[in-house]
């Protein structure tokens, strides 16, 4: 594996860009929190029968689906749901004794633990109601218009991964929801805290301060001004591929011995941390 501070493909690379996500350390070298910001926040409405897919690990396959529905005529019966897109995708929820097909999603506070053995993960129950109204009676734990986290678990291959989804703006009747962001722990079967990995406390380093370009198994990071720090490349399960210190306005890495696919570039500087997701061809 090679590291370069020069770049011979300047003109070609100017046409390439990448999609921003976040990755933060989760307390060990192997544990990585992979963060996705919904920008702008996505607002869903029951009156429009809105839906939204949630692909927790950006592998092109939906893990969960937000769905808002109005039943019958008028707005008498409304549901705001997070549903499993696969039988191995589960949401933390409480259940009523007489209803086995759905439950009420648990509204988690910031830093609440989401553990693989949590009893509120109910195998075989794939509809989690955030808030609803039925017969003029409201149900659910999210209907206060506040900001809450959903705890989720999804499967890739033979491994389970824990994550959270942050929402706000759910009224008592469940007629709308605003989806803000989500994250997961890329170490299989490992707890995550609600809110782990959120892009907070880093006001000085902004996405517009840099650009990341990927072409021909080379990754280049350009900075608007001279910067020092470390660039780390990870695969989607959080394994470190390369870590390169830098002091200047650019750093270039050659990943010719890596297979094509999606990789995560983590830029750490004294002014904060930003990461992006790149496609390596």
Protein backbone atom coordinates (compact mmCIF):
# COMPACT_ATOMS: atom_id res chain seq x y z
CA UNK A 1 0.00 0.00 0.00
CA UNK A 2 1.39 3.38 -0.98
CA UNK A 3 0.98 6.95 0.22
CA UNK A 4 1.65 9.85 -2.12
CA UNK A 5 1.90 13.63 -1.68
CA UNK A 6 1.77 14.27 -5.43
CA UNK A 7 -1.07 13.72 -7.87
CA UNK A 8 -0.81 13.11 -11.62
CA UNK A 9 -4.52 12.86 -12.39
CA UNK A 10 -5.44 16.42 -11.40
CA UNK A 11 -7.74 17.23 -14.30
CA UNK A 12 -9.63 13.94 -14.20
CA UNK A 13 -10.16 14.03 -10.46
CA UNK A 14 -11.78 17.47 -10.44
CA UNK A 15 -14.95 15.89 -11.81
CA UNK A 16 -15.45 13.47 -8.93
CA UNK A 17 -17.04 13.98 -5.52
CA UNK A 18 -18.44 11.95 -2.64
CA UNK A 19 -21.41 11.71 -0.24
CA UNK A 20 -20.93 12.82 3.38
CA UNK A 21 -21.59 10.57 6.34
CA UNK A 22 -20.03 10.39 9.81
CA UNK A 23 -17.84 7.87 11.62
CA UNK A 24 -16.68 8.29 15.21
CA UNK A 25 -14.71 6.11 17.58
CA UNK A 26 -16.77 4.00 19.96
CA UNK A 27 -14.24 3.45 22.68
CA UNK A 28 -11.88 0.95 21.03
CA UNK A 29 -9.78 0.66 17.90
CA UNK A 30 -12.15 -1.90 16.41
CA UNK A 31 -15.47 -0.31 17.35
CA UNK A 32 -16.68 2.34 14.93
CA UNK A 33 -19.90 4.29 14.91
CA UNK A 34 -21.04 4.86 11.34
CA UNK A 35 -23.24 7.95 11.15
CA UNK A 36 -25.64 9.13 8.45
CA UNK A 37 -27.09 12.64 8.46
CA UNK A 38 -30.41 13.24 6.68
CA UNK A 39 -29.79 16.64 5.13
CA UNK A 40 -32.20 18.31 4.94
CA UNK A 41 -34.34 16.54 7.52
CA UNK A 42 -37.07 14.48 5.87
CA UNK A 43 -40.64 15.39 6.87
CA UNK A 44 -43.29 12.70 6.25
CA UNK A 45 -47.06 13.22 6.29
CA UNK A 46 -49.88 10.73 6.79
CA UNK A 47 -52.11 12.81 4.52
CA UNK A 48 -49.72 12.01 1.66
CA UNK A 49 -49.26 8.34 2.71
CA UNK A 50 -45.55 9.09 2.83
CA UNK A 51 -42.88 6.41 3.20
CA UNK A 52 -39.10 6.54 3.60
CA UNK A 53 -36.54 3.74 3.38
CA UNK A 54 -33.76 3.60 5.97
CA UNK A 55 -30.58 1.88 4.77
CA UNK A 56 -28.58 1.77 8.00
CA UNK A 57 -25.24 0.68 6.49
CA UNK A 58 -25.60 2.17 2.98
CA UNK A 59 -25.36 -1.20 1.24
CA UNK A 60 -28.24 -0.44 -1.13
CA UNK A 61 -30.76 -2.55 0.79
CA UNK A 62 -33.42 -0.98 3.00
CA UNK A 63 -33.43 -2.21 6.60
CA UNK A 64 -36.45 -0.24 7.83
CA UNK A 65 -39.33 1.75 6.34
CA UNK A 66 -41.11 4.74 7.84
CA UNK A 67 -44.77 4.62 6.81
CA UNK A 68 -47.61 6.98 7.67
CA UNK A 69 -51.19 5.96 6.97
CA UNK A 70 -54.74 7.21 7.28
CA UNK A 71 -57.38 4.51 7.61
CA UNK A 72 -60.99 5.01 6.59
CA UNK A 73 -62.35 8.47 5.84
CA UNK A 74 -61.14 11.73 7.32
CA UNK A 75 -58.32 11.69 9.88
CA UNK A 76 -59.95 9.54 12.52
CA UNK A 77 -57.50 6.63 12.30
CA UNK A 78 -53.83 7.48 11.71
CA UNK A 79 -50.60 5.56 12.28
CA UNK A 80 -46.95 6.65 12.20
CA UNK A 81 -44.88 3.46 11.89
CA UNK A 82 -41.35 2.20 11.56
CA UNK A 83 -41.57 -1.18 9.85
CA UNK A 84 -38.96 -3.86 9.27
CA UNK A 85 -37.89 -4.27 5.66
CA UNK A 86 -36.51 -7.74 6.47
CA UNK A 87 -37.46 -10.40 9.01
CA UNK A 88 -34.09 -9.93 10.73
CA UNK A 89 -34.60 -6.18 11.21
CA UNK A 90 -36.12 -5.36 14.62
CA UNK A 91 -37.16 -2.23 16.53
CA UNK A 92 -37.21 -1.79 20.30
CA UNK A 93 -40.89 -1.80 21.21
CA UNK A 94 -43.39 -2.62 23.92
CA UNK A 95 -46.27 -4.96 23.14
CA UNK A 96 -49.87 -5.20 24.24
CA UNK A 97 -50.88 -8.69 25.48
CA UNK A 98 -53.60 -9.20 22.87
CA UNK A 99 -51.71 -7.90 19.84
CA UNK A 100 -48.84 -9.88 18.36
CA UNK A 101 -48.50 -8.24 14.94
CA UNK A 102 -47.31 -4.84 16.16
CA UNK A 103 -45.91 -2.99 19.16
CA UNK A 104 -45.28 0.56 20.34
CA UNK A 105 -41.76 1.83 19.63
CA UNK A 106 -39.74 2.71 22.73
CA UNK A 107 -38.87 6.44 22.81
CA UNK A 108 -35.23 6.49 23.92
CA UNK A 109 -33.44 9.48 25.44
CA UNK A 110 -29.92 10.57 24.51
CA UNK A 111 -27.28 8.06 25.71
CA UNK A 112 -29.82 5.31 26.43
CA UNK A 113 -28.17 1.89 25.86
CA UNK A 114 -29.24 -0.24 22.89
CA UNK A 115 -28.02 -3.76 23.61
CA UNK A 116 -28.27 -6.95 21.52
CA UNK A 117 -30.03 -8.83 24.32
CA UNK A 118 -32.61 -6.14 25.12
CA UNK A 119 -35.91 -7.84 25.92
CA UNK A 120 -37.77 -5.19 23.91
CA UNK A 121 -36.45 -6.66 20.65
CA UNK A 122 -39.34 -8.97 19.77
CA UNK A 123 -38.54 -11.53 17.09
CA UNK A 124 -41.41 -11.90 14.63
CA UNK A 125 -42.92 -8.44 15.30
CA UNK A 126 -42.16 -6.09 12.43
CA UNK A 127 -44.42 -3.04 12.91
CA UNK A 128 -43.44 -0.47 15.53
CA UNK A 129 -45.97 2.33 16.04
CA UNK A 130 -44.52 5.68 17.07
CA UNK A 131 -47.88 7.37 17.58
CA UNK A 132 -51.45 6.79 16.43
CA UNK A 133 -55.07 7.74 16.96
CA UNK A 134 -57.93 5.27 16.84
CA UNK A 135 -61.48 5.99 17.92
CA UNK A 136 -60.41 9.41 19.25
CA UNK A 137 -57.88 7.72 21.59
CA UNK A 138 -54.15 8.35 21.05
CA UNK A 139 -51.47 5.69 21.47
CA UNK A 140 -47.68 5.43 21.40
CA UNK A 141 -44.64 6.92 23.12
CA UNK A 142 -43.50 9.51 20.56
CA UNK A 143 -46.52 11.82 20.33
CA UNK A 144 -45.19 14.84 22.23
CA UNK A 145 -43.52 16.61 19.25
CA UNK A 146 -40.19 16.08 21.00
CA UNK A 147 -36.88 14.64 19.88
CA UNK A 148 -36.45 10.91 20.55
CA UNK A 149 -34.38 7.94 19.41
CA UNK A 150 -35.52 4.57 18.08
CA UNK A 151 -33.37 1.56 18.93
CA UNK A 152 -32.88 -0.88 16.05
CA UNK A 153 -31.12 -4.11 15.19
CA UNK A 154 -30.41 -5.37 11.67
CA UNK A 155 -28.53 -8.27 10.13
CA UNK A 156 -25.78 -8.41 7.51
CA UNK A 157 -24.75 -11.92 6.59
CA UNK A 158 -24.58 -13.89 9.83
CA UNK A 159 -24.04 -10.85 12.08
CA UNK A 160 -26.41 -8.52 13.93
CA UNK A 161 -25.69 -4.79 14.28
CA UNK A 162 -27.18 -2.28 16.73
CA UNK A 163 -28.16 1.27 15.82
CA UNK A 164 -30.40 4.25 16.48
CA UNK A 165 -32.64 6.51 14.41
CA UNK A 166 -33.44 10.06 15.62
CA UNK A 167 -36.83 11.63 14.93
CA UNK A 168 -38.80 14.65 16.06
CA UNK A 169 -42.07 16.47 15.43
CA UNK A 170 -44.49 13.57 15.99
CA UNK A 171 -47.85 14.85 17.28
CA UNK A 172 -50.12 12.75 19.46
CA UNK A 173 -52.16 11.56 16.46
CA UNK A 174 -49.10 10.42 14.50
CA UNK A 175 -49.93 12.53 11.45
CA UNK A 176 -46.31 13.52 10.70
CA UNK A 177 -42.71 12.70 11.59
CA UNK A 178 -39.36 14.36 10.88
CA UNK A 179 -36.42 11.98 10.34
CA UNK A 180 -33.11 13.59 11.34
CA UNK A 181 -30.28 11.03 11.24
CA UNK A 182 -29.17 7.55 12.23
CA UNK A 183 -26.04 5.57 13.14
CA UNK A 184 -24.94 2.02 13.90
CA UNK A 185 -22.07 0.24 15.60
CA UNK A 186 -20.05 -1.51 12.90
CA UNK A 187 -18.78 -4.07 15.42
CA UNK A 188 -21.27 -6.95 15.31
CA UNK A 189 -23.44 -7.72 18.35
CA UNK A 190 -22.07 -4.70 20.23
CA UNK A 191 -24.07 -2.16 22.23
CA UNK A 192 -24.50 1.40 21.04
CA UNK A 193 -25.79 4.40 22.98
CA UNK A 194 -28.60 6.48 21.52
CA UNK A 195 -26.96 9.47 19.88
CA UNK A 196 -23.48 7.93 19.59
CA UNK A 197 -21.68 9.43 16.59
CA UNK A 198 -23.85 12.53 16.14
CA UNK A 199 -22.03 15.44 14.51
CA UNK A 200 -21.97 17.67 17.58
CA UNK A 201 -19.22 19.64 19.27
CA UNK A 202 -17.24 20.14 16.03
CA UNK A 203 -18.20 23.63 14.82
CA UNK A 204 -14.79 24.64 13.48
CA UNK A 205 -14.24 22.02 10.77
CA UNK A 206 -17.00 22.26 8.16
CA UNK A 207 -17.72 20.06 5.11
CA UNK A 208 -17.05 22.98 2.79
CA UNK A 209 -13.50 23.23 4.17
CA UNK A 210 -12.42 20.18 2.20
CA UNK A 211 -13.17 17.90 -0.72
CA UNK A 212 -12.52 14.18 -1.17
CA UNK A 213 -12.01 12.63 -4.58
CA UNK A 214 -11.71 8.94 -5.50
CA UNK A 215 -10.46 7.65 -8.83
CA UNK A 216 -8.46 4.64 -10.04
CA UNK A 217 -8.00 3.33 -6.49
CA UNK A 218 -6.56 6.65 -5.34
CA UNK A 219 -8.18 8.82 -2.70
CA UNK A 220 -7.28 12.49 -2.42
CA UNK A 221 -8.31 14.95 0.29
CA UNK A 222 -8.01 18.66 -0.58
CA UNK A 223 -8.18 21.39 2.07
CA UNK A 224 -8.92 25.06 1.47
CA UNK A 225 -5.97 26.01 3.68
CA UNK A 226 -2.97 24.33 5.25
CA UNK A 227 -4.13 21.79 7.81
CA UNK A 228 -2.56 19.09 9.94
CA UNK A 229 -4.09 15.87 11.17
CA UNK A 230 -4.68 12.25 10.26
CA UNK A 231 -6.70 10.66 7.44
CA UNK A 232 -7.96 7.14 8.10
CA UNK A 233 -9.66 4.84 5.59
CA UNK A 234 -12.06 2.17 6.87
CA UNK A 235 -14.19 -0.47 5.23
CA UNK A 236 -17.94 -0.62 5.93
CA UNK A 237 -17.55 -2.98 8.89
CA UNK A 238 -15.17 -0.56 10.61
CA UNK A 239 -11.83 -2.24 9.87
CA UNK A 240 -8.96 0.20 9.40
CA UNK A 241 -7.33 -0.01 5.97
CA UNK A 242 -4.76 2.77 6.25
CA UNK A 243 -4.04 5.79 8.48
CA UNK A 244 -1.92 8.66 7.18
CA UNK A 245 -0.67 11.77 9.07
CA UNK A 246 -0.52 14.99 7.03
CA UNK A 247 0.53 18.63 7.30
CA UNK A 248 -0.44 20.68 4.25
CA UNK A 249 -3.39 21.36 1.99
CA UNK A 250 -3.72 17.89 0.47
CA UNK A 251 -3.07 14.22 1.11
CA UNK A 252 -3.24 11.37 -1.41
CA UNK A 253 -3.48 7.65 -0.70
CA UNK A 254 -3.16 4.74 -3.09
CA UNK A 255 -5.32 1.69 -2.28
CA UNK A 256 -4.33 -0.46 -5.23
CA UNK A 257 -4.35 -3.62 -3.13
CA UNK A 258 -7.98 -3.13 -1.99
CA UNK A 259 -11.03 -4.60 -3.68
CA UNK A 260 -13.53 -2.23 -5.35
CA UNK A 261 -16.36 -1.10 -3.11
CA UNK A 262 -17.50 1.52 -0.61
CA UNK A 263 -14.97 2.86 1.89
CA UNK A 264 -15.12 5.47 4.65
CA UNK A 265 -12.58 8.30 4.87
CA UNK A 266 -12.20 9.80 8.34
CA UNK A 267 -10.41 13.17 8.60
CA UNK A 268 -9.28 14.14 12.10
CA UNK A 269 -7.78 17.61 12.67
CA UNK A 270 -7.28 19.84 15.73
CA UNK A 271 -10.42 21.70 14.63
CA UNK A 272 -12.67 18.66 14.54
CA UNK A 273 -13.56 15.55 12.60
CA UNK A 274 -15.38 14.99 9.32
CA UNK A 275 -15.85 11.78 7.39
CA UNK A 276 -17.09 10.88 3.97
CA UNK A 277 -18.01 7.77 2.07
CA UNK A 278 -16.26 7.03 -1.22
CA UNK A 279 -16.58 4.47 -3.97
CA UNK A 280 -13.30 2.77 -4.86
CA UNK A 281 -13.28 1.50 -8.46
